[in-house]
Amino acid sequence: MNEDVKRPIIHEIVVVEGIHDKQVVDVAVKADVLVLGGDRIGQRTMDVLRRAVRTRGVIVLTDPDGAGERIRRRIDRAVPGCSHAHVPRRQAVSRQGLGVEHADATAVREALLRARGQVAPTQSENRVEFTQEDLLSARLLACPEASVRRMALGDQLGIGYGNAKAFLNKLNTLGVTREEWRQALERLERDDG
Protein backbone atom coordinates (compact mmCIF):
# COMPACT_ATOMS: atom_id res chain seq x y z
CA MET A 1 0.00 0.00 0.00
CA ASN A 2 2.86 2.37 0.83
CA GLU A 3 4.31 1.69 -2.66
CA ASP A 4 1.07 2.93 -4.24
CA VAL A 5 1.43 6.29 -2.48
CA LYS A 6 4.76 6.83 -4.27
CA ARG A 7 3.31 5.88 -7.66
CA PRO A 8 1.39 8.76 -9.23
CA ILE A 9 -1.57 7.95 -11.45
CA ILE A 10 -1.12 8.66 -15.16
CA HIS A 11 -4.51 8.97 -16.84
CA GLU A 12 -3.19 8.76 -20.39
CA ILE A 13 -2.28 5.45 -21.99
CA VAL A 14 1.50 4.99 -21.97
CA VAL A 15 2.96 3.43 -25.13
CA VAL A 16 6.26 1.54 -24.82
CA GLU A 17 8.33 -0.63 -27.13
CA GLY A 18 8.65 -3.84 -25.12
CA ILE A 19 7.44 -5.83 -22.13
CA HIS A 20 10.52 -4.94 -20.05
CA ASP A 21 9.76 -1.25 -20.60
CA LYS A 22 6.24 -1.91 -19.29
CA GLN A 23 7.65 -3.53 -16.17
CA VAL A 24 9.66 -0.40 -15.33
CA VAL A 25 6.63 1.83 -16.02
CA ASP A 26 4.51 -0.35 -13.71
CA VAL A 27 7.02 0.18 -10.89
CA ALA A 28 7.22 3.94 -11.56
CA VAL A 29 3.53 4.90 -11.94
CA LYS A 30 0.00 3.56 -12.05
CA ALA A 31 -0.99 3.59 -15.71
CA ASP A 32 -2.48 1.56 -18.49
CA VAL A 33 0.41 0.56 -20.75
CA LEU A 34 0.28 -0.51 -24.39
CA VAL A 35 3.28 -2.61 -25.47
CA LEU A 36 4.13 -2.29 -29.17
CA GLY A 37 6.32 -5.38 -29.26
CA GLY A 38 8.92 -3.84 -31.54
CA ASP A 39 9.03 -1.36 -34.38
CA ARG A 40 6.40 -2.98 -36.61
CA ILE A 41 3.20 -1.20 -35.68
CA GLY A 42 0.07 -2.60 -37.30
CA GLN A 43 -3.05 -0.79 -38.45
CA ARG A 44 -5.08 -2.15 -35.51
CA THR A 45 -2.61 -0.69 -33.05
CA MET A 46 -2.72 2.68 -34.82
CA ASP A 47 -6.53 2.59 -34.68
CA VAL A 48 -6.40 1.87 -30.93
CA LEU A 49 -4.01 4.80 -30.45
CA ARG A 50 -6.23 7.17 -32.48
CA ARG A 51 -9.19 6.29 -30.28
CA ALA A 52 -7.09 6.61 -27.13
CA VAL A 53 -5.86 10.09 -28.12
CA ARG A 54 -9.48 11.23 -28.40
CA THR A 55 -10.72 9.61 -25.20
CA ARG A 56 -7.83 9.53 -22.70
CA GLY A 57 -4.68 10.82 -24.28
CA VAL A 58 -1.50 8.95 -25.18
CA ILE A 59 2.06 9.34 -23.90
CA VAL A 60 4.74 7.81 -26.12
CA LEU A 61 7.78 6.58 -24.16
CA THR A 62 10.37 5.00 -26.45
CA ASP A 63 14.06 4.21 -26.05
CA PRO A 64 16.48 7.14 -26.44
CA ASP A 65 18.02 5.68 -29.59
CA GLY A 66 17.50 5.82 -33.34
CA ALA A 67 14.90 3.05 -33.41
CA GLY A 68 12.95 4.71 -30.59
CA GLU A 69 12.92 8.04 -32.44
CA ARG A 70 11.74 6.34 -35.66
CA ILE A 71 8.87 4.68 -33.77
CA ARG A 72 7.99 8.02 -32.19
CA ARG A 73 7.94 9.79 -35.59
CA ARG A 74 5.86 7.03 -37.15
CA ILE A 75 3.26 7.26 -34.39
CA ASP A 76 3.25 11.06 -34.65
CA ARG A 77 2.53 10.95 -38.38
CA ALA A 78 -0.28 8.41 -38.01
CA VAL A 79 -1.73 9.58 -34.68
CA PRO A 80 -1.53 13.36 -34.20
CA GLY A 81 -2.01 14.64 -30.67
CA CYS A 82 0.19 12.27 -28.69
CA SER A 83 2.32 13.54 -25.83
CA HIS A 84 5.95 12.49 -25.56
CA ALA A 85 8.06 11.45 -22.59
CA HIS A 86 11.83 11.23 -22.89
CA VAL A 87 14.14 9.41 -20.50
CA PRO A 88 17.59 11.01 -20.83
CA ARG A 89 20.05 8.70 -22.55
CA ARG A 90 22.49 8.77 -19.62
CA GLN A 91 19.71 7.49 -17.31
CA ALA A 92 18.69 4.69 -19.68
CA VAL A 93 22.00 2.90 -20.05
CA SER A 94 23.37 -0.11 -18.20
CA ARG A 95 25.88 -2.86 -18.86
CA GLN A 96 23.11 -4.77 -20.63
CA GLY A 97 22.33 -1.99 -23.09
CA LEU A 98 20.40 1.19 -23.78
CA GLY A 99 16.66 1.58 -23.35
CA VAL A 100 13.77 2.47 -21.08
CA GLU A 101 14.03 -0.97 -19.46
CA HIS A 102 17.50 0.00 -18.15
CA ALA A 103 16.31 3.22 -16.49
CA ASP A 104 15.32 3.33 -12.86
CA ALA A 105 11.73 3.95 -11.82
CA THR A 106 12.46 7.51 -10.72
CA ALA A 107 13.80 8.52 -14.15
CA VAL A 108 10.77 6.95 -15.86
CA ARG A 109 8.36 8.61 -13.40
CA GLU A 110 9.96 12.03 -13.96
CA ALA A 111 9.87 11.58 -17.74
CA LEU A 112 6.17 10.66 -17.70
CA LEU A 113 5.26 13.54 -15.40
CA ARG A 114 7.13 15.94 -17.74
CA ALA A 115 5.55 14.57 -20.93
CA ARG A 116 4.92 17.23 -23.54
CA GLY A 117 2.01 17.32 -25.92
CA GLN A 118 2.31 18.45 -29.47
CA VAL A 119 1.06 21.92 -30.24
CA ALA A 120 -2.23 21.72 -32.18
CA PRO A 121 -1.52 21.11 -35.90
CA THR A 122 -2.82 24.50 -37.02
CA GLN A 123 -0.64 26.21 -34.42
CA SER A 124 2.50 24.12 -34.94
CA GLU A 125 2.43 24.63 -38.71
CA ASN A 126 2.71 28.38 -38.15
CA ARG A 127 4.73 28.32 -34.94
CA VAL A 128 8.31 29.31 -35.59
CA GLU A 129 9.36 30.40 -32.13
CA PHE A 130 12.89 29.11 -32.67
CA THR A 131 15.13 29.30 -35.73
CA GLN A 132 18.59 28.13 -36.74
CA GLU A 133 19.87 31.49 -35.49
CA ASP A 134 18.81 30.48 -31.98
CA LEU A 135 20.67 27.20 -32.31
CA LEU A 136 23.78 28.97 -33.60
CA SER A 137 23.81 31.57 -30.82
CA ALA A 138 23.35 28.81 -28.19
CA ARG A 139 26.19 26.76 -29.72
CA LEU A 140 23.79 23.95 -30.63
CA LEU A 141 24.75 24.04 -34.30
CA ALA A 142 28.02 24.29 -36.25
CA CYS A 143 30.43 23.95 -33.35
CA PRO A 144 32.35 20.97 -31.94
CA GLU A 145 30.28 20.66 -28.76
CA ALA A 146 26.89 21.17 -30.47
CA SER A 147 25.77 17.55 -30.26
CA VAL A 148 26.62 17.24 -26.56
CA ARG A 149 24.92 20.57 -25.80
CA ARG A 150 21.74 19.54 -27.70
CA MET A 151 21.65 16.31 -25.71
CA ALA A 152 22.00 18.14 -22.39
CA LEU A 153 19.46 20.83 -23.32
CA GLY A 154 17.01 18.24 -24.65
CA ASP A 155 17.25 16.38 -21.34
CA GLN A 156 16.59 19.58 -19.38
CA LEU A 157 13.61 20.54 -21.54
CA GLY A 158 12.23 17.01 -21.59
CA ILE A 159 12.20 16.81 -25.39
CA GLY A 160 14.98 14.31 -25.95
CA TYR A 161 17.91 14.41 -28.34
CA GLY A 162 17.95 15.14 -32.05
CA ASN A 163 20.29 16.35 -34.76
CA ALA A 164 20.05 20.12 -35.34
CA LYS A 165 17.10 19.90 -37.73
CA ALA A 166 15.14 17.45 -35.55
CA PHE A 167 15.94 19.42 -32.39
CA LEU A 168 14.66 22.65 -33.95
CA ASN A 169 11.49 20.84 -35.01
CA LYS A 170 10.97 19.52 -31.46
CA LEU A 171 11.45 22.99 -29.97
CA ASN A 172 8.71 24.38 -32.20
CA THR A 173 6.22 21.50 -32.33
CA LEU A 174 6.40 20.56 -28.65
CA GLY A 175 5.69 24.12 -27.56
CA VAL A 176 8.88 25.01 -25.72
CA THR A 177 8.60 28.61 -24.52
CA ARG A 178 11.27 31.30 -24.64
CA GLU A 179 11.32 31.35 -20.83
CA GLU A 180 11.91 27.57 -20.64
CA TRP A 181 14.64 27.99 -23.27
CA ARG A 182 16.33 30.81 -21.36
CA GLN A 183 16.26 28.94 -18.03
CA ALA A 184 17.54 25.71 -19.56
CA LEU A 185 20.39 27.55 -21.31
CA GLU A 186 21.33 29.26 -18.04
CA ARG A 187 21.45 25.88 -16.27
CA LEU A 188 23.51 24.46 -19.14
CA GLU A 189 26.02 27.32 -18.91
CA ARG A 190 26.26 26.92 -15.11
CA ASP A 191 26.85 23.18 -15.48
CA ASP A 192 29.49 23.76 -18.19
CA GLY A 193 31.19 26.57 -16.28
C-alpha atoms as a PDB file:
ATOM      1  CA  MET A   1       0.000   0.000   0.000  1.00  0.00           C
ATOM      2  CA  ASN A   2       2.857   2.372   0.828  1.00  0.00           C
ATOM      3  CA  GLU A   3       4.306   1.688  -2.657  1.00  0.00           C
ATOM      4  CA  ASP A   4       1.066   2.933  -4.237  1.00  0.00           C
ATOM      5  CA  VAL A   5       1.433   6.287  -2.481  1.00  0.00           C
ATOM      6  CA  LYS A   6       4.755   6.827  -4.271  1.00  0.00           C
ATOM      7  CA  ARG A   7       3.311   5.881  -7.659  1.00  0.00           C
ATOM      8  CA  PRO A   8       1.388   8.755  -9.230  1.00  0.00           C
ATOM      9  CA  ILE A   9      -1.574   7.953 -11.454  1.00  0.00           C
ATOM     10  CA  ILE A  10      -1.117   8.664 -15.156  1.00  0.00           C
ATOM     11  CA  HIS A  11      -4.507   8.973 -16.838  1.00  0.00           C
ATOM     12  CA  GLU A  12      -3.188   8.759 -20.395  1.00  0.00           C
ATOM     13  CA  ILE A  13      -2.278   5.447 -21.985  1.00  0.00           C
ATOM     14  CA  VAL A  14       1.498   4.989 -21.973  1.00  0.00           C
ATOM     15  CA  VAL A  15       2.955   3.428 -25.130  1.00  0.00           C
ATOM     16  CA  VAL A  16       6.258   1.544 -24.822  1.00  0.00           C
ATOM     17  CA  GLU A  17       8.333  -0.632 -27.133  1.00  0.00           C
ATOM     18  CA  GLY A  18       8.649  -3.837 -25.116  1.00  0.00           C
ATOM     19  CA  ILE A  19       7.437  -5.831 -22.128  1.00  0.00           C
ATOM     20  CA  HIS A  20      10.516  -4.943 -20.045  1.00  0.00           C
ATOM     21  CA  ASP A  21       9.756  -1.246 -20.601  1.00  0.00           C
ATOM     22  CA  LYS A  22       6.236  -1.909 -19.293  1.00  0.00           C
ATOM     23  CA  GLN A  23       7.645  -3.525 -16.170  1.00  0.00           C
ATOM     24  CA  VAL A  24       9.657  -0.403 -15.333  1.00  0.00           C
ATOM     25  CA  VAL A  25       6.628   1.831 -16.023  1.00  0.00           C
ATOM     26  CA  ASP A  26       4.512  -0.346 -13.708  1.00  0.00           C
ATOM     27  CA  VAL A  27       7.017   0.183 -10.886  1.00  0.00           C
ATOM     28  CA  ALA A  28       7.215   3.944 -11.562  1.00  0.00           C
ATOM     29  CA  VAL A  29       3.534   4.895 -11.936  1.00  0.00           C
ATOM     30  CA  LYS A  30       0.001   3.564 -12.049  1.00  0.00           C
ATOM     31  CA  ALA A  31      -0.985   3.593 -15.712  1.00  0.00           C
ATOM     32  CA  ASP A  32      -2.480   1.559 -18.493  1.00  0.00           C
ATOM     33  CA  VAL A  33       0.406   0.563 -20.749  1.00  0.00           C
ATOM     34  CA  LEU A  34       0.280  -0.511 -24.387  1.00  0.00           C
ATOM     35  CA  VAL A  35       3.275  -2.607 -25.475  1.00  0.00           C
ATOM     36  CA  LEU A  36       4.129  -2.291 -29.168  1.00  0.00           C
ATOM     37  CA  GLY A  37       6.318  -5.379 -29.256  1.00  0.00           C
ATOM     38  CA  GLY A  38       8.916  -3.840 -31.541  1.00  0.00           C
ATOM     39  CA  ASP A  39       9.034  -1.356 -34.383  1.00  0.00           C
ATOM     40  CA  ARG A  40       6.404  -2.983 -36.608  1.00  0.00           C
ATOM     41  CA  ILE A  41       3.199  -1.199 -35.684  1.00  0.00           C
ATOM     42  CA  GLY A  42       0.072  -2.597 -37.304  1.00  0.00           C
ATOM     43  CA  GLN A  43      -3.053  -0.789 -38.447  1.00  0.00           C
ATOM     44  CA  ARG A  44      -5.084  -2.146 -35.515  1.00  0.00           C
ATOM     45  CA  THR A  45      -2.609  -0.691 -33.046  1.00  0.00           C
ATOM     46  CA  MET A  46      -2.717   2.685 -34.821  1.00  0.00           C
ATOM     47  CA  ASP A  47      -6.532   2.592 -34.676  1.00  0.00           C
ATOM     48  CA  VAL A  48      -6.398   1.868 -30.929  1.00  0.00           C
ATOM     49  CA  LEU A  49      -4.008   4.797 -30.454  1.00  0.00           C
ATOM     50  CA  ARG A  50      -6.229   7.165 -32.483  1.00  0.00           C
ATOM     51  CA  ARG A  51      -9.186   6.285 -30.284  1.00  0.00           C
ATOM     52  CA  ALA A  52      -7.089   6.611 -27.126  1.00  0.00           C
ATOM     53  CA  VAL A  53      -5.858  10.089 -28.120  1.00  0.00           C
ATOM     54  CA  ARG A  54      -9.482  11.233 -28.404  1.00  0.00           C
ATOM     55  CA  THR A  55     -10.717   9.608 -25.205  1.00  0.00           C
ATOM     56  CA  ARG A  56      -7.827   9.533 -22.698  1.00  0.00           C
ATOM     57  CA  GLY A  57      -4.676  10.823 -24.280  1.00  0.00           C
ATOM     58  CA  VAL A  58      -1.500   8.946 -25.178  1.00  0.00           C
ATOM     59  CA  ILE A  59       2.057   9.341 -23.905  1.00  0.00           C
ATOM     60  CA  VAL A  60       4.740   7.809 -26.123  1.00  0.00           C
ATOM     61  CA  LEU A  61       7.784   6.584 -24.164  1.00  0.00           C
ATOM     62  CA  THR A  62      10.375   4.998 -26.446  1.00  0.00           C
ATOM     63  CA  ASP A  63      14.058   4.210 -26.049  1.00  0.00           C
ATOM     64  CA  PRO A  64      16.483   7.141 -26.437  1.00  0.00           C
ATOM     65  CA  ASP A  65      18.025   5.680 -29.595  1.00  0.00           C
ATOM     66  CA  GLY A  66      17.503   5.819 -33.339  1.00  0.00           C
ATOM     67  CA  ALA A  67      14.896   3.049 -33.406  1.00  0.00           C
ATOM     68  CA  GLY A  68      12.951   4.714 -30.589  1.00  0.00           C
ATOM     69  CA  GLU A  69      12.923   8.037 -32.440  1.00  0.00           C
ATOM     70  CA  ARG A  70      11.744   6.338 -35.663  1.00  0.00           C
ATOM     71  CA  ILE A  71       8.872   4.679 -33.775  1.00  0.00           C
ATOM     72  CA  ARG A  72       7.995   8.025 -32.190  1.00  0.00           C
ATOM     73  CA  ARG A  73       7.937   9.794 -35.591  1.00  0.00           C
ATOM     74  CA  ARG A  74       5.862   7.025 -37.153  1.00  0.00           C
ATOM     75  CA  ILE A  75       3.261   7.256 -34.386  1.00  0.00           C
ATOM     76  CA  ASP A  76       3.254  11.061 -34.653  1.00  0.00           C
ATOM     77  CA  ARG A  77       2.527  10.955 -38.380  1.00  0.00           C
ATOM     78  CA  ALA A  78      -0.285   8.409 -38.015  1.00  0.00           C
ATOM     79  CA  VAL A  79      -1.729   9.576 -34.676  1.00  0.00           C
ATOM     80  CA  PRO A  80      -1.527  13.357 -34.197  1.00  0.00           C
ATOM     81  CA  GLY A  81      -2.009  14.644 -30.674  1.00  0.00           C
ATOM     82  CA  CYS A  82       0.194  12.267 -28.690  1.00  0.00           C
ATOM     83  CA  SER A  83       2.324  13.539 -25.833  1.00  0.00           C
ATOM     84  CA  HIS A  84       5.947  12.488 -25.556  1.00  0.00           C
ATOM     85  CA  ALA A  85       8.061  11.454 -22.587  1.00  0.00           C
ATOM     86  CA  HIS A  86      11.831  11.230 -22.893  1.00  0.00           C
ATOM     87  CA  VAL A  87      14.139   9.412 -20.500  1.00  0.00           C
ATOM     88  CA  PRO A  88      17.588  11.008 -20.828  1.00  0.00           C
ATOM     89  CA  ARG A  89      20.050   8.695 -22.553  1.00  0.00           C
ATOM     90  CA  ARG A  90      22.492   8.765 -19.618  1.00  0.00           C
ATOM     91  CA  GLN A  91      19.712   7.494 -17.315  1.00  0.00           C
ATOM     92  CA  ALA A  92      18.694   4.694 -19.681  1.00  0.00           C
ATOM     93  CA  VAL A  93      22.001   2.902 -20.047  1.00  0.00           C
ATOM     94  CA  SER A  94      23.367  -0.111 -18.201  1.00  0.00           C
ATOM     95  CA  ARG A  95      25.879  -2.864 -18.864  1.00  0.00           C
ATOM     96  CA  GLN A  96      23.109  -4.766 -20.629  1.00  0.00           C
ATOM     97  CA  GLY A  97      22.325  -1.991 -23.089  1.00  0.00           C
ATOM     98  CA  LEU A  98      20.397   1.192 -23.779  1.00  0.00           C
ATOM     99  CA  GLY A  99      16.662   1.581 -23.345  1.00  0.00           C
ATOM    100  CA  VAL A 100      13.769   2.475 -21.075  1.00  0.00           C
ATOM    101  CA  GLU A 101      14.032  -0.967 -19.457  1.00  0.00           C
ATOM    102  CA  HIS A 102      17.502  -0.002 -18.153  1.00  0.00           C
ATOM    103  CA  ALA A 103      16.307   3.224 -16.491  1.00  0.00           C
ATOM    104  CA  ASP A 104      15.319   3.327 -12.864  1.00  0.00           C
ATOM    105  CA  ALA A 105      11.726   3.947 -11.823  1.00  0.00           C
ATOM    106  CA  THR A 106      12.465   7.510 -10.716  1.00  0.00           C
ATOM    107  CA  ALA A 107      13.799   8.515 -14.147  1.00  0.00           C
ATOM    108  CA  VAL A 108      10.771   6.953 -15.861  1.00  0.00           C
ATOM    109  CA  ARG A 109       8.360   8.609 -13.402  1.00  0.00           C
ATOM    110  CA  GLU A 110       9.959  12.026 -13.960  1.00  0.00           C
ATOM    111  CA  ALA A 111       9.868  11.585 -17.738  1.00  0.00           C
ATOM    112  CA  LEU A 112       6.174  10.655 -17.696  1.00  0.00           C
ATOM    113  CA  LEU A 113       5.264  13.542 -15.401  1.00  0.00           C
ATOM    114  CA  ARG A 114       7.129  15.936 -17.737  1.00  0.00           C
ATOM    115  CA  ALA A 115       5.552  14.570 -20.927  1.00  0.00           C
ATOM    116  CA  ARG A 116       4.918  17.229 -23.540  1.00  0.00           C
ATOM    117  CA  GLY A 117       2.007  17.323 -25.918  1.00  0.00           C
ATOM    118  CA  GLN A 118       2.314  18.454 -29.472  1.00  0.00           C
ATOM    119  CA  VAL A 119       1.056  21.923 -30.243  1.00  0.00           C
ATOM    120  CA  ALA A 120      -2.230  21.715 -32.176  1.00  0.00           C
ATOM    121  CA  PRO A 121      -1.518  21.108 -35.895  1.00  0.00           C
ATOM    122  CA  THR A 122      -2.816  24.496 -37.022  1.00  0.00           C
ATOM    123  CA  GLN A 123      -0.640  26.206 -34.416  1.00  0.00           C
ATOM    124  CA  SER A 124       2.496  24.124 -34.940  1.00  0.00           C
ATOM    125  CA  GLU A 125       2.426  24.631 -38.710  1.00  0.00           C
ATOM    126  CA  ASN A 126       2.706  28.377 -38.152  1.00  0.00           C
ATOM    127  CA  ARG A 127       4.735  28.317 -34.936  1.00  0.00           C
ATOM    128  CA  VAL A 128       8.307  29.309 -35.589  1.00  0.00           C
ATOM    129  CA  GLU A 129       9.357  30.403 -32.128  1.00  0.00           C
ATOM    130  CA  PHE A 130      12.886  29.111 -32.668  1.00  0.00           C
ATOM    131  CA  THR A 131      15.131  29.305 -35.734  1.00  0.00           C
ATOM    132  CA  GLN A 132      18.590  28.128 -36.740  1.00  0.00           C
ATOM    133  CA  GLU A 133      19.873  31.486 -35.488  1.00  0.00           C
ATOM    134  CA  ASP A 134      18.808  30.483 -31.976  1.00  0.00           C
ATOM    135  CA  LEU A 135      20.669  27.196 -32.312  1.00  0.00           C
ATOM    136  CA  LEU A 136      23.776  28.974 -33.596  1.00  0.00           C
ATOM    137  CA  SER A 137      23.809  31.567 -30.820  1.00  0.00           C
ATOM    138  CA  ALA A 138      23.347  28.812 -28.195  1.00  0.00           C
ATOM    139  CA  ARG A 139      26.193  26.759 -29.719  1.00  0.00           C
ATOM    140  CA  LEU A 140      23.792  23.948 -30.625  1.00  0.00           C
ATOM    141  CA  LEU A 141      24.749  24.038 -34.296  1.00  0.00           C
ATOM    142  CA  ALA A 142      28.017  24.287 -36.253  1.00  0.00           C
ATOM    143  CA  CYS A 143      30.428  23.950 -33.349  1.00  0.00           C
ATOM    144  CA  PRO A 144      32.354  20.967 -31.941  1.00  0.00           C
ATOM    145  CA  GLU A 145      30.277  20.656 -28.761  1.00  0.00           C
ATOM    146  CA  ALA A 146      26.889  21.174 -30.473  1.00  0.00           C
ATOM    147  CA  SER A 147      25.767  17.545 -30.255  1.00  0.00           C
ATOM    148  CA  VAL A 148      26.621  17.242 -26.557  1.00  0.00           C
ATOM    149  CA  ARG A 149      24.920  20.566 -25.801  1.00  0.00           C
ATOM    150  CA  ARG A 150      21.741  19.544 -27.695  1.00  0.00           C
ATOM    151  CA  MET A 151      21.650  16.308 -25.712  1.00  0.00           C
ATOM    152  CA  ALA A 152      21.997  18.142 -22.385  1.00  0.00           C
ATOM    153  CA  LEU A 153      19.461  20.833 -23.316  1.00  0.00           C
ATOM    154  CA  GLY A 154      17.011  18.238 -24.652  1.00  0.00           C
ATOM    155  CA  ASP A 155      17.252  16.380 -21.341  1.00  0.00           C
ATOM    156  CA  GLN A 156      16.593  19.578 -19.377  1.00  0.00           C
ATOM    157  CA  LEU A 157      13.614  20.545 -21.543  1.00  0.00           C
ATOM    158  CA  GLY A 158      12.230  17.008 -21.586  1.00  0.00           C
ATOM    159  CA  ILE A 159      12.197  16.815 -25.385  1.00  0.00           C
ATOM    160  CA  GLY A 160      14.983  14.309 -25.953  1.00  0.00           C
ATOM    161  CA  TYR A 161      17.907  14.409 -28.344  1.00  0.00           C
ATOM    162  CA  GLY A 162      17.952  15.137 -32.055  1.00  0.00           C
ATOM    163  CA  ASN A 163      20.285  16.352 -34.759  1.00  0.00           C
ATOM    164  CA  ALA A 164      20.050  20.118 -35.340  1.00  0.00           C
ATOM    165  CA  LYS A 165      17.095  19.903 -37.730  1.00  0.00           C
ATOM    166  CA  ALA A 166      15.138  17.446 -35.552  1.00  0.00           C
ATOM    167  CA  PHE A 167      15.941  19.425 -32.386  1.00  0.00           C
ATOM    168  CA  LEU A 168      14.656  22.648 -33.951  1.00  0.00           C
ATOM    169  CA  ASN A 169      11.485  20.841 -35.011  1.00  0.00           C
ATOM    170  CA  LYS A 170      10.974  19.525 -31.458  1.00  0.00           C
ATOM    171  CA  LEU A 171      11.446  22.991 -29.967  1.00  0.00           C
ATOM    172  CA  ASN A 172       8.712  24.381 -32.199  1.00  0.00           C
ATOM    173  CA  THR A 173       6.224  21.498 -32.329  1.00  0.00           C
ATOM    174  CA  LEU A 174       6.405  20.561 -28.647  1.00  0.00           C
ATOM    175  CA  GLY A 175       5.685  24.120 -27.565  1.00  0.00           C
ATOM    176  CA  VAL A 176       8.884  25.007 -25.724  1.00  0.00           C
ATOM    177  CA  THR A 177       8.601  28.614 -24.519  1.00  0.00           C
ATOM    178  CA  ARG A 178      11.272  31.302 -24.639  1.00  0.00           C
ATOM    179  CA  GLU A 179      11.319  31.346 -20.832  1.00  0.00           C
ATOM    180  CA  GLU A 180      11.907  27.573 -20.639  1.00  0.00           C
ATOM    181  CA  TRP A 181      14.640  27.986 -23.268  1.00  0.00           C
ATOM    182  CA  ARG A 182      16.327  30.809 -21.359  1.00  0.00           C
ATOM    183  CA  GLN A 183      16.256  28.944 -18.033  1.00  0.00           C
ATOM    184  CA  ALA A 184      17.540  25.710 -19.563  1.00  0.00           C
ATOM    185  CA  LEU A 185      20.395  27.547 -21.308  1.00  0.00           C
ATOM    186  CA  GLU A 186      21.331  29.264 -18.039  1.00  0.00           C
ATOM    187  CA  ARG A 187      21.455  25.881 -16.271  1.00  0.00           C
ATOM    188  CA  LEU A 188      23.514  24.461 -19.136  1.00  0.00           C
ATOM    189  CA  GLU A 189      26.016  27.321 -18.907  1.00  0.00           C
ATOM    190  CA  ARG A 190      26.260  26.916 -15.108  1.00  0.00           C
ATOM    191  CA  ASP A 191      26.848  23.179 -15.479  1.00  0.00           C
ATOM    192  CA  ASP A 192      29.485  23.762 -18.192  1.00  0.00           C
ATOM    193  CA  GLY A 193      31.186  26.570 -16.277  1.00  0.00           C
END
